Amino acid sequence: MSDAVDERNLTDEEIVGDSGPAIEVRGLINAFDDHVVHDRVDLTVERGEVMGVVGGSGAGKSVLLNSIIGLREPQGGTIRVFGNDLNTASRRRWEAINRSWGVLFQQGALFSNLTVKENVAAPMFEHTNLSRAEIYELAELKIALVGLRPDAGVLKPAELSGGMRKRAGLARALALDPELLFLDEPTAGLDPIGAAAFDELIKDLSESLDLTVFMITHDLDTLYEITDRVAVLADKKVVASAPVRELETSDHPWIREYFLGPRGRAARAAAAKLTGNGARTEA
């Protein structure tokens, strides 16, 4: 009996397994014609950690994310998710891995003609055999989980504020109870209060749901407040991967400018004002 036939008799959990880091990228190469974006990128994201990814414009942050989730085929290298090589994974294995992660794109990527509840329910209709009533009940739970009020479920994306759209997109990303969550600029476009609230939501969810989080962000407050480590894309590689406080001591010019410049100093000062329970103190 072939491996593919065997895999059809296994659950997603049995296929994905529990070995290896959440994400392991080795020797990744991405190029657009003659323009090389990534030249043998290496990166490891451990299970249960919140990994921030930063880099200058054109450094390839979104290209890296898209390569990991299969929206772009790189020119070289390997990508493993939970120990599974995505280059050699069977279709059944790829489908199981795909259901083990959720993605929140920068603009939310909600279906404009569907309500919030219908958007959140969509992955469950596609990937589960639950009844319609069960799916909508679960969708309502996910909506509540991300802090949206119950009546938000009947609204369409155009009727939502920017922060509500982010939360609706997050609810959909969590629809299939993923182990791994990808976030692309989650606080972009939010005011400082909304961004701080969203940071706290991500932190709470990652801890309560035991999520691994891979987050592209330029928000220094986010990096200081909720990440365990930050990977820095520069010079077509990951030039550093460490906690923010360690990056402050780096000699790399881009890292020093980013973390020790005026905005970095402000974010560091704000982080120093956090109380033990994570609330901001009064200035």
Protein backbone atom coordinates (compact mmCIF):
# COMPACT_ATOMS: atom_id res chain seq x y z
CA MET A 1 0.00 0.00 0.00
CA SER A 2 1.44 3.42 -0.92
CA ASP A 3 2.13 6.20 1.57
CA ALA A 4 -0.58 8.32 -0.08
CA VAL A 5 -3.21 5.62 0.51
CA ASP A 6 -2.02 5.18 4.10
CA GLU A 7 -2.29 8.92 4.74
CA ARG A 8 -5.92 8.98 3.70
CA ASN A 9 -6.72 6.83 6.73
CA LEU A 10 -4.97 9.18 9.16
CA THR A 11 -6.24 12.28 10.93
CA ASP A 12 -4.67 15.68 10.25
CA GLU A 13 -3.00 15.54 13.66
CA GLU A 14 -1.43 12.16 12.90
CA ILE A 15 -0.17 13.38 9.52
CA VAL A 16 1.26 16.69 10.69
CA GLY A 17 2.83 15.12 13.77
CA ASP A 18 4.52 16.79 16.69
CA SER A 19 8.20 16.65 15.75
CA GLY A 20 10.49 19.43 14.66
CA PRO A 21 10.21 23.21 15.00
CA ALA A 22 7.03 24.98 13.90
CA ILE A 23 8.89 26.46 10.91
CA GLU A 24 12.34 25.63 9.58
CA VAL A 25 13.65 27.48 6.51
CA ARG A 26 17.02 26.49 5.07
CA GLY A 27 18.88 27.96 2.12
CA LEU A 28 15.82 29.78 0.75
CA ILE A 29 16.32 31.56 -2.57
CA ASN A 30 13.75 33.92 -4.08
CA ALA A 31 14.30 36.04 -7.17
CA PHE A 32 12.27 38.05 -9.64
CA ASP A 33 14.13 37.72 -12.95
CA ASP A 34 17.63 39.03 -12.16
CA HIS A 35 16.62 40.66 -8.88
CA VAL A 36 17.52 38.38 -5.97
CA VAL A 37 15.38 38.98 -2.89
CA HIS A 38 16.55 36.10 -0.71
CA ASP A 39 19.98 34.50 -1.01
CA ARG A 40 20.06 31.34 1.13
CA VAL A 41 17.84 32.52 3.96
CA ASP A 42 17.87 30.42 7.14
CA LEU A 43 15.23 30.80 9.86
CA THR A 44 13.81 28.63 12.63
CA VAL A 45 10.61 29.37 14.54
CA GLU A 46 10.17 27.24 17.62
CA ARG A 47 6.80 25.92 18.72
CA GLY A 48 4.88 28.25 21.00
CA GLU A 49 6.93 31.38 20.35
CA VAL A 50 5.89 34.72 18.90
CA MET A 51 8.37 35.54 16.14
CA GLY A 52 8.46 39.04 14.68
CA VAL A 53 9.94 39.59 11.24
CA VAL A 54 11.29 43.01 10.28
CA GLY A 55 13.28 44.49 7.42
CA GLY A 56 13.48 47.50 5.18
CA SER A 57 11.28 48.09 2.16
CA GLY A 58 12.05 45.43 -0.45
CA ALA A 59 13.77 43.13 2.04
CA GLY A 60 11.31 40.36 1.17
CA LYS A 61 9.22 40.02 4.31
CA SER A 62 5.97 39.24 2.49
CA VAL A 63 7.82 37.13 -0.06
CA LEU A 64 9.12 35.00 2.81
CA LEU A 65 5.64 34.60 4.29
CA ASN A 66 4.15 33.74 0.89
CA SER A 67 6.87 31.15 0.31
CA ILE A 68 6.13 29.45 3.62
CA ILE A 69 2.36 29.27 3.07
CA GLY A 70 2.68 28.10 -0.52
CA LEU A 71 1.58 31.23 -2.39
CA ARG A 72 5.00 31.50 -4.01
CA GLU A 73 7.37 28.78 -5.18
CA PRO A 74 10.95 29.73 -4.30
CA GLN A 75 13.88 29.09 -6.62
CA GLY A 76 15.75 27.04 -4.05
CA GLY A 77 15.96 25.86 -0.47
CA THR A 78 13.69 23.87 1.82
CA ILE A 79 10.77 24.81 4.05
CA ARG A 80 9.56 22.51 6.80
CA VAL A 81 6.45 23.07 8.90
CA PHE A 82 6.16 20.89 12.00
CA GLY A 83 8.94 18.75 10.55
CA ASN A 84 7.20 18.23 7.19
CA ASP A 85 9.11 19.16 4.03
CA LEU A 86 6.68 21.19 1.93
CA ASN A 87 8.64 20.47 -1.26
CA THR A 88 8.00 16.74 -1.04
CA ALA A 89 4.70 16.61 0.85
CA SER A 90 1.92 14.58 -0.75
CA ARG A 91 -1.33 16.34 -1.56
CA ARG A 92 -3.01 14.81 1.50
CA ARG A 93 -0.12 15.85 3.75
CA TRP A 94 -0.09 19.37 2.27
CA GLU A 95 -3.83 19.74 2.92
CA ALA A 96 -3.36 18.66 6.54
CA ILE A 97 -0.47 21.09 7.03
CA ASN A 98 -2.47 23.87 5.41
CA ARG A 99 -5.30 23.32 7.88
CA SER A 100 -2.82 23.54 10.77
CA TRP A 101 -2.21 27.24 10.16
CA GLY A 102 -4.29 30.39 9.88
CA VAL A 103 -3.38 33.59 8.05
CA LEU A 104 -4.36 37.21 8.68
CA PHE A 105 -3.38 39.27 5.65
CA GLN A 106 -2.65 42.97 5.99
CA GLN A 107 -5.99 44.17 4.60
CA GLY A 108 -7.98 41.35 6.20
CA ALA A 109 -8.86 39.81 2.80
CA LEU A 110 -12.47 39.37 3.85
CA PHE A 111 -15.11 38.48 1.27
CA SER A 112 -16.89 41.80 0.75
CA ASN A 113 -20.25 40.24 -0.15
CA LEU A 114 -20.40 38.05 2.98
CA THR A 115 -21.19 38.98 6.55
CA VAL A 116 -18.59 38.61 9.27
CA LYS A 117 -20.17 35.37 10.45
CA GLU A 118 -20.25 34.00 6.90
CA ASN A 119 -16.60 34.96 6.43
CA VAL A 120 -15.58 33.16 9.61
CA ALA A 121 -17.71 30.14 8.69
CA ALA A 122 -16.26 29.83 5.16
CA PRO A 123 -13.17 27.75 6.10
CA MET A 124 -15.33 25.39 8.15
CA PHE A 125 -17.75 24.84 5.26
CA GLU A 126 -14.76 24.06 3.03
CA HIS A 127 -12.74 21.84 5.34
CA THR A 128 -15.15 20.17 7.79
CA ASN A 129 -18.21 17.95 7.69
CA LEU A 130 -20.01 19.82 10.44
CA SER A 131 -23.64 20.78 10.05
CA ARG A 132 -24.62 24.29 9.07
CA ALA A 133 -25.93 24.96 12.58
CA GLU A 134 -22.72 23.71 14.19
CA ILE A 135 -20.55 25.81 11.87
CA TYR A 136 -22.43 29.01 12.58
CA GLU A 137 -22.37 28.30 16.31
CA LEU A 138 -18.58 27.89 16.14
CA ALA A 139 -18.30 31.04 14.02
CA GLU A 140 -20.10 33.00 16.73
CA LEU A 141 -17.64 31.61 19.30
CA LYS A 142 -14.66 32.72 17.19
CA ILE A 143 -16.18 36.17 16.78
CA ALA A 144 -16.51 36.45 20.56
CA LEU A 145 -12.98 35.07 21.02
CA VAL A 146 -11.42 38.03 19.18
CA GLY A 147 -13.42 40.58 21.15
CA LEU A 148 -16.10 41.53 18.65
CA ARG A 149 -19.59 42.12 19.97
CA PRO A 150 -22.22 39.52 18.94
CA ASP A 151 -24.10 41.82 16.54
CA ALA A 152 -20.91 42.31 14.48
CA GLY A 153 -21.58 38.91 12.92
CA VAL A 154 -24.37 40.26 10.72
CA LEU A 155 -22.31 43.17 9.38
CA LYS A 156 -20.40 43.19 6.11
CA PRO A 157 -16.75 44.30 5.88
CA ALA A 158 -17.67 47.74 4.50
CA GLU A 159 -19.66 48.40 7.66
CA LEU A 160 -16.72 47.71 9.97
CA SER A 161 -14.04 50.01 11.33
CA GLY A 162 -10.41 49.18 10.56
CA GLY A 163 -9.91 47.55 13.94
CA MET A 164 -13.07 45.49 13.60
CA ARG A 165 -11.97 44.26 10.17
CA LYS A 166 -8.66 43.15 11.67
CA ARG A 167 -10.49 41.23 14.39
CA ALA A 168 -12.91 39.69 11.89
CA GLY A 169 -9.98 38.56 9.76
CA LEU A 170 -8.34 37.12 12.86
CA ALA A 171 -11.52 35.23 13.76
CA ARG A 172 -11.51 33.66 10.31
CA ALA A 173 -7.81 32.80 10.64
CA LEU A 174 -8.68 30.95 13.86
CA ALA A 175 -11.70 29.17 12.39
CA LEU A 176 -10.01 25.75 12.10
CA ASP A 177 -8.22 25.93 15.48
CA PRO A 178 -4.73 26.27 13.97
CA GLU A 179 -1.49 25.63 15.79
CA LEU A 180 0.37 28.24 13.74
CA LEU A 181 -0.79 31.79 13.05
CA PHE A 182 0.66 34.04 10.33
CA LEU A 183 0.10 37.79 10.69
CA ASP A 184 1.02 40.31 7.99
CA GLU A 185 1.32 43.82 9.48
CA PRO A 186 -1.54 43.21 11.95
CA THR A 187 -1.53 46.73 13.42
CA ALA A 188 -1.00 48.66 10.17
CA GLY A 189 -3.57 51.42 9.78
CA LEU A 190 -4.72 51.29 13.40
CA ASP A 191 -4.52 54.22 15.78
CA PRO A 192 -2.19 53.78 18.80
CA ILE A 193 -5.01 52.74 21.13
CA GLY A 194 -6.39 50.23 18.63
CA ALA A 195 -2.91 48.89 17.90
CA ALA A 196 -2.15 48.41 21.61
CA ALA A 197 -5.47 46.59 22.08
CA PHE A 198 -4.75 44.32 19.13
CA ASP A 199 -1.27 43.57 20.47
CA GLU A 200 -2.81 42.54 23.79
CA LEU A 201 -5.33 40.34 21.97
CA ILE A 202 -2.58 38.53 20.06
CA LYS A 203 -0.58 38.04 23.23
CA ASP A 204 -3.58 36.65 25.11
CA LEU A 205 -4.57 34.32 22.26
CA SER A 206 -1.05 33.01 21.76
CA GLU A 207 -0.83 32.13 25.43
CA SER A 208 -4.34 30.76 25.94
CA LEU A 209 -4.43 28.75 22.68
CA ASP A 210 -0.74 27.75 22.75
CA LEU A 211 -0.23 29.29 19.30
CA THR A 212 2.99 29.74 17.42
CA VAL A 213 2.91 33.20 15.81
CA PHE A 214 4.89 34.33 12.75
CA MET A 215 4.32 38.05 12.46
CA ILE A 216 5.55 40.55 9.90
CA THR A 217 5.44 44.02 11.44
CA HIS A 218 7.15 47.39 11.41
CA ASP A 219 5.46 48.37 14.68
CA LEU A 220 8.20 48.78 17.28
CA ASP A 221 5.69 48.81 20.15
CA THR A 222 4.47 45.40 18.99
CA LEU A 223 8.01 44.05 18.79
CA TYR A 224 8.84 45.17 22.31
CA GLU A 225 5.60 44.10 23.92
CA ILE A 226 4.65 40.70 22.53
CA THR A 227 7.49 39.02 20.60
CA ASP A 228 9.82 36.39 22.00
CA ARG A 229 12.32 36.87 19.19
CA VAL A 230 12.70 39.09 16.14
CA ALA A 231 14.21 37.99 12.83
CA VAL A 232 15.83 40.77 10.81
CA LEU A 233 15.86 40.52 7.02
CA ALA A 234 18.69 42.52 5.47
CA ASP A 235 21.38 41.95 2.87
CA LYS A 236 19.12 39.25 1.32
CA LYS A 237 19.45 37.10 4.45
CA VAL A 238 18.29 36.82 8.04
CA VAL A 239 21.15 38.74 9.63
CA ALA A 240 19.92 38.30 13.21
CA SER A 241 17.29 36.39 15.15
CA ALA A 242 17.10 37.26 18.83
CA PRO A 243 15.01 38.95 21.52
CA VAL A 244 14.61 42.68 20.96
CA ARG A 245 16.84 43.59 23.87
CA GLU A 246 19.69 41.60 22.35
CA LEU A 247 19.21 43.27 18.98
CA GLU A 248 19.80 46.63 20.65
CA THR A 249 23.45 45.63 21.06
CA SER A 250 23.93 44.60 17.41
CA ASP A 251 26.64 46.23 15.30
CA HIS A 252 24.65 45.82 12.07
CA PRO A 253 23.95 49.31 10.64
CA TRP A 254 20.29 48.70 9.74
CA ILE A 255 19.52 47.07 13.08
CA ARG A 256 21.15 49.92 14.99
CA GLU A 257 19.25 52.55 13.00
CA TYR A 258 15.95 50.70 13.42
CA PHE A 259 16.09 49.86 17.10
CA LEU A 260 18.25 52.70 18.43
CA GLY A 261 16.80 55.54 16.36
CA PRO A 262 14.18 57.97 17.71
CA ARG A 263 11.20 55.63 17.18
CA GLY A 264 13.09 52.70 18.68
CA ARG A 265 14.00 54.73 21.74
CA ALA A 266 10.36 55.78 22.14
CA ALA A 267 9.14 52.18 21.89
CA ARG A 268 11.77 51.06 24.38
CA ALA A 269 10.71 53.77 26.83
CA ALA A 270 7.04 52.84 26.42
CA ALA A 271 7.83 49.18 27.07
CA ALA A 272 9.71 50.16 30.24
CA LYS A 273 6.54 51.82 31.54
CA LEU A 274 4.48 48.63 31.37
CA THR A 275 3.27 47.41 34.75
CA GLY A 276 3.47 43.82 35.87
CA ASN A 277 0.00 43.05 34.48
CA GLY A 278 0.80 44.45 31.04
CA ALA A 279 -1.24 47.66 31.33
CA ARG A 280 0.32 50.97 30.38
CA THR A 281 1.11 53.34 33.19
CA GLU A 282 0.28 57.00 33.00
CA ALA A 283 3.09 59.14 31.59
